[in-house]
Amino acid sequence: MSNPIENIKLLIGKNETPQQITQQLLSNTPNPIFNNLIKMAQSGDSKGVENFARNICKERGKDFDKEFSEFMSNFK
């Protein structure tokens, strides 16, 4: 199994953007549901990604709109 930190160092050394690094790290997962989510994000299917997030929040008993608002407040 490879070391994630070493993988990040290799990707940073290639002068890739944070988005490219994240996509490469996440695209190597064996989880088919997560792979589908990544494909939706890469293809610009924001509604599909939002529906996925809403379903995850609902399963965990959380309010998506409240959680998203709190998440976005970190970037102000």
Protein backbone atom coordinates (compact mmCIF):
# COMPACT_ATOMS: atom_id res chain seq x y z
CA MET A 1 0.00 0.00 0.00
CA SER A 2 1.38 3.40 -0.93
CA ASN A 3 1.95 6.23 1.49
CA PRO A 4 -0.60 9.05 0.86
CA ILE A 5 1.85 11.75 1.98
CA GLU A 6 4.45 10.54 -0.51
CA ASN A 7 1.80 10.56 -3.24
CA ILE A 8 0.93 14.17 -2.40
CA LYS A 9 4.61 15.16 -2.47
CA LEU A 10 4.96 13.59 -5.92
CA LEU A 11 1.89 15.42 -7.23
CA ILE A 12 3.00 18.75 -5.77
CA GLY A 13 6.37 18.28 -7.44
CA LYS A 14 4.59 18.13 -10.80
CA ASN A 15 3.25 21.69 -10.28
CA GLU A 16 -0.36 20.55 -10.50
CA THR A 17 -3.21 22.62 -9.15
CA PRO A 18 -4.86 21.66 -5.85
CA GLN A 19 -7.93 20.58 -7.84
CA GLN A 20 -5.83 18.26 -10.03
CA ILE A 21 -4.06 16.82 -6.98
CA THR A 22 -7.37 16.20 -5.21
CA GLN A 23 -8.93 14.57 -8.26
CA GLN A 24 -5.97 12.25 -8.69
CA LEU A 25 -5.97 11.25 -5.03
CA LEU A 26 -9.71 10.64 -4.99
CA SER A 27 -9.88 8.81 -8.31
CA ASN A 28 -7.80 5.94 -6.95
CA THR A 29 -10.46 4.66 -4.55
CA PRO A 30 -11.96 1.19 -5.00
CA ASN A 31 -15.40 2.46 -3.87
CA PRO A 32 -17.75 2.49 -6.91
CA ILE A 33 -20.18 4.95 -5.31
CA PHE A 34 -17.37 7.39 -4.61
CA ASN A 35 -15.98 6.89 -8.13
CA ASN A 36 -19.42 7.77 -9.52
CA LEU A 37 -19.44 10.93 -7.38
CA ILE A 38 -16.02 11.92 -8.73
CA LYS A 39 -17.22 11.38 -12.32
CA MET A 40 -20.27 13.57 -11.66
CA ALA A 41 -18.04 16.33 -10.29
CA GLN A 42 -15.59 16.09 -13.18
CA SER A 43 -18.38 16.26 -15.74
CA GLY A 44 -19.94 19.31 -14.07
CA ASP A 45 -23.05 17.51 -12.80
CA SER A 46 -23.50 19.82 -9.80
CA LYS A 47 -27.13 18.72 -9.31
CA GLY A 48 -26.03 15.08 -9.06
CA VAL A 49 -23.32 15.98 -6.52
CA GLU A 50 -25.80 18.06 -4.53
CA ASN A 51 -28.35 15.22 -4.50
CA PHE A 52 -25.62 12.85 -3.30
CA ALA A 53 -24.70 15.25 -0.48
CA ARG A 54 -28.35 15.79 0.47
CA ASN A 55 -28.89 12.02 0.68
CA ILE A 56 -25.80 11.53 2.85
CA CYS A 57 -26.97 14.28 5.21
CA LYS A 58 -30.48 12.81 5.34
CA GLU A 59 -29.09 9.35 6.17
CA ARG A 60 -27.10 10.87 9.03
CA GLY A 61 -29.99 12.94 10.36
CA LYS A 62 -28.44 16.27 9.37
CA ASP A 63 -29.91 19.26 7.56
CA PHE A 64 -28.02 19.78 4.29
CA ASP A 65 -28.78 23.48 4.01
CA LYS A 66 -27.57 24.18 7.55
CA GLU A 67 -24.44 22.06 7.10
CA PHE A 68 -23.64 23.67 3.75
CA SER A 69 -24.11 27.15 5.19
CA GLU A 70 -21.71 26.33 8.04
CA PHE A 71 -19.21 24.88 5.55
CA MET A 72 -19.36 27.99 3.36
CA SER A 73 -18.88 30.28 6.35
CA ASN A 74 -15.32 28.93 6.57
CA PHE A 75 -14.49 30.69 3.30
CA LYS A 76 -15.65 34.21 4.14
